[in-house]
N, C-alpha and C. Protein backbone atom coordinates (compact mmCIF):
# COMPACT_ATOMS: atom_id res chain seq x y z
N MET A 1 38.15 109.98 114.33
CA MET A 1 37.80 108.88 115.20
C MET A 1 38.96 107.91 115.32
N ALA A 2 39.65 107.64 114.22
CA ALA A 2 40.77 106.69 114.26
C ALA A 2 41.84 107.17 115.22
N ARG A 3 42.16 108.45 115.17
CA ARG A 3 43.23 108.98 116.02
C ARG A 3 42.86 108.86 117.49
N VAL A 4 41.61 109.16 117.84
CA VAL A 4 41.16 109.06 119.23
C VAL A 4 41.17 107.60 119.67
N LEU A 5 40.72 106.70 118.81
CA LEU A 5 40.76 105.27 119.12
C LEU A 5 42.21 104.82 119.33
N ILE A 6 43.11 105.29 118.50
CA ILE A 6 44.53 104.94 118.65
C ILE A 6 45.06 105.41 120.00
N LEU A 7 44.71 106.63 120.40
CA LEU A 7 45.14 107.13 121.71
C LEU A 7 44.58 106.29 122.84
N VAL A 8 43.27 106.03 122.81
CA VAL A 8 42.66 105.23 123.87
C VAL A 8 43.30 103.85 123.91
N SER A 9 43.54 103.27 122.76
CA SER A 9 44.17 101.96 122.69
C SER A 9 45.56 101.97 123.31
N ALA A 10 46.35 102.97 122.99
CA ALA A 10 47.71 103.06 123.54
C ALA A 10 47.69 103.15 125.06
N PHE A 11 46.68 103.79 125.62
CA PHE A 11 46.59 103.97 127.06
C PHE A 11 45.78 102.87 127.73
N SER A 12 45.31 101.89 126.96
CA SER A 12 44.55 100.76 127.50
C SER A 12 45.46 99.60 127.87
N THR A 13 46.72 99.88 128.09
CA THR A 13 47.69 98.86 128.48
C THR A 13 48.24 99.20 129.85
N GLY A 14 48.94 98.28 130.44
CA GLY A 14 49.57 98.51 131.72
C GLY A 14 48.62 98.28 132.86
N THR A 15 49.04 98.70 134.05
CA THR A 15 48.26 98.41 135.26
C THR A 15 46.96 99.20 135.31
N LYS A 16 46.97 100.44 134.89
CA LYS A 16 45.75 101.25 134.92
C LYS A 16 44.80 100.85 133.80
N GLY A 17 45.30 100.69 132.62
CA GLY A 17 44.55 100.14 131.51
C GLY A 17 43.43 101.00 130.95
N HIS A 18 43.51 102.31 131.11
CA HIS A 18 42.52 103.19 130.49
C HIS A 18 43.07 104.61 130.41
N LEU A 19 42.40 105.41 129.60
CA LEU A 19 42.73 106.84 129.47
C LEU A 19 41.73 107.58 130.32
N ASP A 20 42.22 108.31 131.29
CA ASP A 20 41.38 108.91 132.34
C ASP A 20 41.11 110.38 132.09
N GLY A 21 39.95 110.71 131.56
CA GLY A 21 39.49 112.08 131.48
C GLY A 21 39.60 112.71 130.11
N LEU A 22 38.64 113.58 129.81
CA LEU A 22 38.64 114.30 128.53
C LEU A 22 39.75 115.33 128.46
N THR A 23 40.15 115.90 129.60
CA THR A 23 41.26 116.84 129.58
C THR A 23 42.52 116.13 129.11
N LYS A 24 42.77 114.96 129.66
CA LYS A 24 43.95 114.19 129.25
C LYS A 24 43.85 113.83 127.78
N LEU A 25 42.67 113.38 127.34
CA LEU A 25 42.48 113.06 125.92
C LEU A 25 42.79 114.25 125.03
N ALA A 26 42.27 115.42 125.40
CA ALA A 26 42.49 116.62 124.59
C ALA A 26 43.96 117.01 124.52
N LYS A 27 44.66 116.94 125.65
CA LYS A 27 46.06 117.34 125.66
C LYS A 27 46.91 116.33 124.89
N LEU A 28 46.62 115.05 125.04
CA LEU A 28 47.36 114.04 124.27
C LEU A 28 47.08 114.18 122.79
N ASP A 29 45.82 114.44 122.44
CA ASP A 29 45.45 114.62 121.05
C ASP A 29 46.14 115.85 120.46
N PHE A 30 46.26 116.90 121.23
CA PHE A 30 46.99 118.09 120.80
C PHE A 30 48.41 117.69 120.38
N LEU A 31 49.09 116.93 121.21
CA LEU A 31 50.46 116.52 120.91
C LEU A 31 50.52 115.56 119.74
N LEU A 32 49.53 114.71 119.60
CA LEU A 32 49.52 113.77 118.49
C LEU A 32 49.23 114.48 117.17
N ARG A 33 48.36 115.47 117.19
CA ARG A 33 48.00 116.20 115.97
C ARG A 33 49.11 117.14 115.52
N TYR A 34 49.89 117.60 116.46
CA TYR A 34 50.97 118.54 116.18
C TYR A 34 52.30 117.87 116.53
N PRO A 35 52.83 117.01 115.65
CA PRO A 35 54.02 116.24 115.99
C PRO A 35 55.25 117.07 116.30
N SER A 36 55.30 118.31 115.83
CA SER A 36 56.44 119.17 116.19
C SER A 36 56.40 119.52 117.67
N TYR A 37 55.21 119.74 118.20
CA TYR A 37 55.08 119.97 119.64
C TYR A 37 55.44 118.71 120.42
N LEU A 38 54.95 117.57 119.95
CA LEU A 38 55.26 116.30 120.61
C LEU A 38 56.77 116.07 120.64
N GLU A 39 57.40 116.27 119.50
CA GLU A 39 58.85 116.09 119.41
C GLU A 39 59.57 116.98 120.43
N ARG A 40 59.16 118.23 120.49
CA ARG A 40 59.83 119.19 121.37
C ARG A 40 59.65 118.82 122.84
N VAL A 41 58.43 118.45 123.24
CA VAL A 41 58.20 118.17 124.65
C VAL A 41 58.90 116.86 125.06
N LEU A 42 58.91 115.86 124.19
CA LEU A 42 59.61 114.62 124.54
C LEU A 42 61.12 114.83 124.57
N ASP A 43 61.65 115.62 123.63
CA ASP A 43 63.08 115.96 123.67
C ASP A 43 63.43 116.65 124.99
N ASP A 44 62.59 117.61 125.38
CA ASP A 44 62.85 118.36 126.62
C ASP A 44 62.81 117.44 127.85
N ARG A 45 62.05 116.37 127.78
CA ARG A 45 61.93 115.43 128.92
C ARG A 45 62.94 114.29 128.82
N GLY A 46 63.84 114.34 127.82
CA GLY A 46 64.86 113.31 127.68
C GLY A 46 64.32 111.98 127.17
N ARG A 47 63.19 112.02 126.48
CA ARG A 47 62.59 110.82 125.91
C ARG A 47 62.30 111.07 124.42
N PRO A 48 63.33 111.26 123.61
CA PRO A 48 63.13 111.64 122.21
C PRO A 48 62.37 110.59 121.42
N LEU A 49 61.65 111.08 120.42
CA LEU A 49 60.97 110.19 119.50
C LEU A 49 62.00 109.41 118.69
N ALA A 50 61.67 108.18 118.37
CA ALA A 50 62.51 107.40 117.46
C ALA A 50 62.58 108.13 116.12
N PRO A 51 63.67 108.02 115.40
CA PRO A 51 63.79 108.75 114.12
C PRO A 51 62.61 108.54 113.17
N ALA A 52 62.07 107.33 113.11
CA ALA A 52 60.97 107.06 112.19
C ALA A 52 59.67 107.76 112.63
N LEU A 53 59.61 108.22 113.88
CA LEU A 53 58.40 108.88 114.39
C LEU A 53 58.51 110.40 114.41
N ARG A 54 59.68 110.91 114.11
CA ARG A 54 59.83 112.37 114.09
C ARG A 54 59.03 112.96 112.95
N PRO A 55 58.55 114.19 113.10
CA PRO A 55 57.75 114.80 112.03
C PRO A 55 58.55 114.97 110.74
N SER A 56 57.88 114.67 109.65
CA SER A 56 58.50 114.85 108.33
C SER A 56 58.49 116.35 107.99
N PRO A 57 59.29 116.76 106.99
CA PRO A 57 59.25 118.16 106.57
C PRO A 57 57.83 118.59 106.17
N GLU A 58 57.11 117.71 105.51
CA GLU A 58 55.73 118.05 105.11
C GLU A 58 54.83 118.27 106.32
N GLU A 59 55.00 117.42 107.36
CA GLU A 59 54.19 117.57 108.57
C GLU A 59 54.50 118.87 109.29
N ARG A 60 55.72 119.34 109.17
CA ARG A 60 56.08 120.58 109.85
C ARG A 60 55.40 121.78 109.17
N LEU A 61 54.98 121.61 107.93
CA LEU A 61 54.37 122.72 107.19
C LEU A 61 52.85 122.63 107.12
N ALA A 62 52.29 121.45 107.30
CA ALA A 62 50.85 121.26 107.14
C ALA A 62 50.23 120.75 108.43
N LEU A 63 49.02 121.16 108.67
CA LEU A 63 48.29 120.69 109.85
C LEU A 63 47.28 119.65 109.42
N GLU A 64 47.20 118.56 110.18
CA GLU A 64 46.22 117.52 109.90
C GLU A 64 44.82 118.11 110.07
N SER A 65 44.62 118.81 111.16
CA SER A 65 43.38 119.57 111.35
C SER A 65 43.64 120.56 112.48
N ALA A 66 43.09 121.72 112.35
CA ALA A 66 43.40 122.79 113.29
C ALA A 66 42.70 122.58 114.63
N MET A 67 43.39 122.94 115.69
CA MET A 67 42.77 123.00 117.01
C MET A 67 42.60 124.46 117.33
N ILE A 68 41.70 124.72 118.23
CA ILE A 68 41.35 126.09 118.59
C ILE A 68 41.73 126.35 120.03
N ARG A 69 42.18 127.57 120.31
CA ARG A 69 42.52 127.99 121.66
C ARG A 69 41.23 128.28 122.41
N TYR A 70 40.96 127.46 123.43
CA TYR A 70 39.82 127.67 124.30
C TYR A 70 40.32 128.10 125.67
N LYS A 71 39.42 128.34 126.59
CA LYS A 71 39.78 128.86 127.91
C LYS A 71 40.80 127.98 128.61
N TYR A 72 40.67 126.66 128.50
CA TYR A 72 41.56 125.77 129.21
C TYR A 72 42.58 125.10 128.29
N GLY A 73 42.92 125.72 127.19
CA GLY A 73 43.93 125.19 126.29
C GLY A 73 43.34 124.66 125.01
N PRO A 74 44.12 123.91 124.24
CA PRO A 74 43.64 123.41 122.95
C PRO A 74 42.49 122.45 123.17
N TRP A 75 41.49 122.55 122.32
CA TRP A 75 40.30 121.72 122.47
C TRP A 75 39.64 121.59 121.11
N ASP A 76 38.93 120.52 120.93
CA ASP A 76 38.19 120.29 119.71
C ASP A 76 36.78 119.89 120.12
N SER A 77 35.79 120.64 119.68
CA SER A 77 34.40 120.39 120.09
C SER A 77 33.87 119.05 119.60
N ARG A 78 34.61 118.38 118.71
CA ARG A 78 34.17 117.09 118.20
C ARG A 78 34.45 115.94 119.15
N TYR A 79 35.15 116.14 120.27
CA TYR A 79 35.46 115.03 121.16
C TYR A 79 34.20 114.33 121.66
N TYR A 80 33.19 115.08 122.04
CA TYR A 80 31.98 114.46 122.58
C TYR A 80 31.33 113.51 121.59
N PRO A 81 31.04 113.95 120.35
CA PRO A 81 30.43 112.99 119.43
C PRO A 81 31.37 111.86 119.00
N VAL A 82 32.67 112.14 118.91
CA VAL A 82 33.61 111.08 118.53
C VAL A 82 33.65 110.01 119.60
N VAL A 83 33.78 110.41 120.86
CA VAL A 83 33.80 109.42 121.95
C VAL A 83 32.47 108.67 122.00
N GLY A 84 31.36 109.38 121.83
CA GLY A 84 30.05 108.72 121.82
C GLY A 84 29.94 107.69 120.71
N ARG A 85 30.47 108.03 119.56
CA ARG A 85 30.40 107.10 118.43
C ARG A 85 31.30 105.89 118.65
N LEU A 86 32.49 106.10 119.21
CA LEU A 86 33.37 104.99 119.51
C LEU A 86 32.73 104.04 120.53
N ILE A 87 32.07 104.61 121.53
CA ILE A 87 31.35 103.78 122.51
C ILE A 87 30.19 103.06 121.82
N GLY A 88 29.42 103.79 121.03
CA GLY A 88 28.27 103.20 120.35
C GLY A 88 28.64 102.09 119.38
N GLN A 89 29.81 102.18 118.79
CA GLN A 89 30.27 101.14 117.86
C GLN A 89 30.98 99.98 118.56
N GLY A 90 31.05 100.06 119.88
CA GLY A 90 31.67 98.98 120.64
C GLY A 90 33.18 98.92 120.55
N LEU A 91 33.82 100.04 120.19
CA LEU A 91 35.28 100.09 120.07
C LEU A 91 35.95 100.57 121.35
N VAL A 92 35.18 101.27 122.18
CA VAL A 92 35.67 101.84 123.44
C VAL A 92 34.59 101.63 124.48
N ASP A 93 35.01 101.36 125.70
CA ASP A 93 34.07 101.26 126.83
C ASP A 93 34.37 102.38 127.82
N PRO A 94 33.32 102.99 128.38
CA PRO A 94 33.54 103.89 129.51
C PRO A 94 33.81 103.03 130.74
N VAL A 95 34.78 103.42 131.53
CA VAL A 95 35.13 102.67 132.74
C VAL A 95 35.24 103.64 133.91
N GLU A 96 35.28 103.10 135.09
CA GLU A 96 35.44 103.93 136.28
C GLU A 96 36.86 104.46 136.32
N GLY A 97 36.98 105.74 136.60
CA GLY A 97 38.29 106.36 136.69
C GLY A 97 38.21 107.61 137.53
N ARG A 98 39.28 108.35 137.58
CA ARG A 98 39.32 109.58 138.38
C ARG A 98 38.58 110.71 137.67
N GLY A 99 38.67 110.76 136.35
CA GLY A 99 38.02 111.82 135.60
C GLY A 99 36.54 111.54 135.42
N SER A 100 35.84 112.51 134.85
CA SER A 100 34.41 112.33 134.61
C SER A 100 34.16 111.29 133.53
N VAL A 101 35.14 111.11 132.64
CA VAL A 101 35.05 110.10 131.58
C VAL A 101 36.39 109.39 131.52
N ALA A 102 36.35 108.08 131.72
CA ALA A 102 37.55 107.25 131.53
C ALA A 102 37.21 106.24 130.46
N LEU A 103 38.16 105.97 129.59
CA LEU A 103 37.91 105.15 128.42
C LEU A 103 38.93 104.02 128.29
N ARG A 104 38.43 102.85 127.87
CA ARG A 104 39.32 101.72 127.61
C ARG A 104 38.90 101.12 126.27
N ALA A 105 39.89 100.80 125.45
CA ALA A 105 39.59 100.15 124.17
C ALA A 105 39.08 98.74 124.43
N THR A 106 38.05 98.35 123.70
CA THR A 106 37.53 96.99 123.76
C THR A 106 38.42 96.09 122.91
N ASP A 107 38.17 94.79 122.96
CA ASP A 107 38.91 93.88 122.08
C ASP A 107 38.72 94.28 120.62
N ALA A 108 37.47 94.65 120.27
CA ALA A 108 37.21 95.08 118.88
C ALA A 108 37.99 96.34 118.55
N GLY A 109 38.09 97.27 119.50
CA GLY A 109 38.86 98.49 119.29
C GLY A 109 40.34 98.21 119.11
N LEU A 110 40.87 97.30 119.93
CA LEU A 110 42.30 96.93 119.81
C LEU A 110 42.56 96.26 118.48
N LYS A 111 41.63 95.42 118.01
CA LYS A 111 41.79 94.77 116.72
C LYS A 111 41.71 95.79 115.58
N ALA A 112 40.85 96.77 115.72
CA ALA A 112 40.75 97.83 114.70
C ALA A 112 42.07 98.59 114.60
N VAL A 113 42.66 98.93 115.74
CA VAL A 113 43.94 99.64 115.73
C VAL A 113 45.03 98.77 115.12
N GLU A 114 45.01 97.49 115.44
CA GLU A 114 45.97 96.58 114.83
C GLU A 114 45.82 96.58 113.30
N ALA A 115 44.60 96.61 112.83
CA ALA A 115 44.35 96.65 111.38
C ALA A 115 44.80 97.98 110.78
N PHE A 116 44.72 99.08 111.56
CA PHE A 116 45.18 100.38 111.08
C PHE A 116 46.66 100.36 110.75
N SER A 117 47.43 99.55 111.46
CA SER A 117 48.88 99.55 111.26
C SER A 117 49.27 99.11 109.86
N ASP A 118 48.34 98.47 109.15
CA ASP A 118 48.61 98.05 107.78
C ASP A 118 48.06 99.04 106.76
N THR A 119 47.53 100.18 107.23
CA THR A 119 46.88 101.11 106.31
C THR A 119 47.45 102.52 106.39
N GLY A 120 48.69 102.66 106.83
CA GLY A 120 49.32 103.97 106.84
C GLY A 120 49.25 104.72 108.16
N TRP A 121 48.71 104.10 109.19
CA TRP A 121 48.60 104.74 110.49
C TRP A 121 49.75 104.36 111.43
N GLU A 122 50.73 103.61 110.95
CA GLU A 122 51.75 103.10 111.85
C GLU A 122 52.54 104.21 112.57
N VAL A 123 52.76 105.34 111.90
CA VAL A 123 53.50 106.43 112.56
C VAL A 123 52.65 107.03 113.68
N VAL A 124 51.37 107.22 113.44
CA VAL A 124 50.47 107.75 114.47
C VAL A 124 50.40 106.78 115.65
N ILE A 125 50.31 105.50 115.36
CA ILE A 125 50.27 104.48 116.42
C ILE A 125 51.57 104.53 117.23
N GLY A 126 52.70 104.64 116.55
CA GLY A 126 53.99 104.74 117.22
C GLY A 126 54.08 105.98 118.10
N ARG A 127 53.57 107.09 117.60
CA ARG A 127 53.60 108.32 118.38
C ARG A 127 52.68 108.22 119.60
N ALA A 128 51.54 107.56 119.43
CA ALA A 128 50.63 107.37 120.57
C ALA A 128 51.29 106.52 121.65
N ARG A 129 52.01 105.51 121.22
CA ARG A 129 52.74 104.67 122.19
C ARG A 129 53.86 105.46 122.86
N ALA A 130 54.49 106.35 122.12
CA ALA A 130 55.53 107.22 122.71
C ALA A 130 54.90 108.15 123.74
N LEU A 131 53.69 108.63 123.48
CA LEU A 131 52.98 109.43 124.47
C LEU A 131 52.72 108.64 125.74
N LYS A 132 52.27 107.40 125.59
CA LYS A 132 52.01 106.54 126.74
C LYS A 132 53.30 106.33 127.53
N HIS A 133 54.39 106.07 126.82
CA HIS A 133 55.66 105.80 127.48
C HIS A 133 56.26 107.04 128.13
N GLY A 134 56.16 108.18 127.46
CA GLY A 134 56.87 109.36 127.93
C GLY A 134 56.03 110.42 128.62
N LEU A 135 54.70 110.35 128.45
CA LEU A 135 53.84 111.42 129.01
C LEU A 135 52.55 110.87 129.61
N ASP A 136 52.62 109.78 130.34
CA ASP A 136 51.43 109.24 130.99
C ASP A 136 51.21 109.98 132.30
N LEU A 137 50.79 111.22 132.16
CA LEU A 137 50.55 112.12 133.29
C LEU A 137 49.04 112.35 133.42
N SER A 138 48.64 112.96 134.51
CA SER A 138 47.23 113.34 134.63
C SER A 138 46.91 114.44 133.63
N GLY A 139 45.62 114.62 133.35
CA GLY A 139 45.22 115.69 132.45
C GLY A 139 45.69 117.05 132.93
N THR A 140 45.59 117.28 134.24
CA THR A 140 46.02 118.56 134.81
C THR A 140 47.52 118.76 134.63
N ASN A 141 48.31 117.71 134.89
CA ASN A 141 49.75 117.84 134.73
C ASN A 141 50.15 117.98 133.27
N LEU A 142 49.44 117.32 132.35
CA LEU A 142 49.68 117.52 130.93
C LEU A 142 49.38 118.96 130.53
N GLN A 143 48.28 119.48 131.04
CA GLN A 143 47.90 120.86 130.74
C GLN A 143 48.99 121.82 131.23
N ARG A 144 49.48 121.61 132.44
CA ARG A 144 50.55 122.47 132.97
C ARG A 144 51.81 122.37 132.12
N LEU A 145 52.16 121.14 131.71
CA LEU A 145 53.35 120.93 130.88
C LEU A 145 53.21 121.66 129.55
N ILE A 146 52.06 121.57 128.92
CA ILE A 146 51.84 122.24 127.64
C ILE A 146 51.89 123.76 127.82
N TYR A 147 51.25 124.27 128.86
CA TYR A 147 51.29 125.71 129.11
C TYR A 147 52.71 126.19 129.35
N HIS A 148 53.48 125.41 130.10
CA HIS A 148 54.85 125.79 130.42
C HIS A 148 55.75 125.68 129.18
N SER A 149 55.57 124.61 128.40
CA SER A 149 56.43 124.36 127.26
C SER A 149 56.13 125.20 126.03
N PHE A 150 54.86 125.58 125.88
CA PHE A 150 54.44 126.26 124.65
C PHE A 150 53.61 127.51 124.92
N PRO A 151 54.15 128.46 125.64
CA PRO A 151 53.34 129.66 125.91
C PRO A 151 52.97 130.40 124.63
N ASP A 152 53.82 130.28 123.58
CA ASP A 152 53.53 130.95 122.31
C ASP A 152 52.28 130.38 121.65
N ALA A 153 51.97 129.12 121.90
CA ALA A 153 50.78 128.51 121.31
C ALA A 153 49.52 128.89 122.05
N LEU A 154 49.67 129.26 123.32
CA LEU A 154 48.49 129.48 124.14
C LEU A 154 48.30 130.94 124.54
N ASN A 155 49.31 131.75 124.37
CA ASN A 155 49.15 133.18 124.64
C ASN A 155 48.59 133.85 123.39
N ARG A 156 47.34 133.57 123.14
CA ARG A 156 46.65 134.09 121.96
C ARG A 156 45.19 134.22 122.34
N PRO A 157 44.46 134.98 121.58
CA PRO A 157 43.04 135.17 121.92
C PRO A 157 42.26 133.85 121.91
N LEU A 158 41.26 133.77 122.77
CA LEU A 158 40.39 132.61 122.78
C LEU A 158 39.77 132.41 121.41
N ARG A 159 39.58 131.17 121.04
CA ARG A 159 38.97 130.74 119.78
C ARG A 159 39.83 131.04 118.55
N SER A 160 41.14 131.34 118.77
CA SER A 160 42.01 131.53 117.63
C SER A 160 42.68 130.19 117.30
N ARG A 161 43.11 130.07 116.06
CA ARG A 161 43.72 128.82 115.57
C ARG A 161 45.12 128.67 116.11
N ILE A 162 45.47 127.45 116.51
CA ILE A 162 46.82 127.14 116.99
C ILE A 162 47.62 126.65 115.81
N THR A 163 48.84 127.14 115.67
CA THR A 163 49.71 126.75 114.57
C THR A 163 50.91 125.99 115.09
N GLU A 164 51.68 125.40 114.17
CA GLU A 164 52.88 124.65 114.53
C GLU A 164 53.91 125.60 115.17
N PRO A 165 54.77 125.07 116.05
CA PRO A 165 55.80 125.91 116.66
C PRO A 165 56.91 126.18 115.66
N ALA A 166 57.61 127.25 115.91
CA ALA A 166 58.81 127.52 115.09
C ALA A 166 59.83 126.45 115.39
N ALA A 167 60.66 126.13 114.41
CA ALA A 167 61.70 125.13 114.61
C ALA A 167 62.65 125.59 115.70
N SER A 168 63.04 124.66 116.56
CA SER A 168 63.94 125.04 117.66
C SER A 168 65.36 124.63 117.37
């Protein structure tokens, strides 16, 4: 829940001020959960992660939690209850957007993320901000970018576990 709130919070800034669509949420979460993939795609786009945000050697070997290869790319079936709980707790509001679900962090959600920065989440928060700065694309364009950049992660049987990329 914290990671999803952090993502929504990072995208609740600027002129649009919300994260538009579950596809976009899933693709951004994929990159946030797998920092080696995030590092590679931002490097390829000429927007490298700051040194403090690059994956540690331990992160390159361990997964925070596995994502599964579904028909339309990496997905986690927990998004629906997590988003529902964030809305129910008043940390995120559903707003009008292009996607079927658009989300904006509430003041309480923004304050919660601010409090996370003092509890060891500062690297995740920094990476989420790097996603906003370097990859604020539509869900469809993020999906295309991931498919193009990481065919090795997605050319696998449906419902198989996605692993970290080989070092480049």
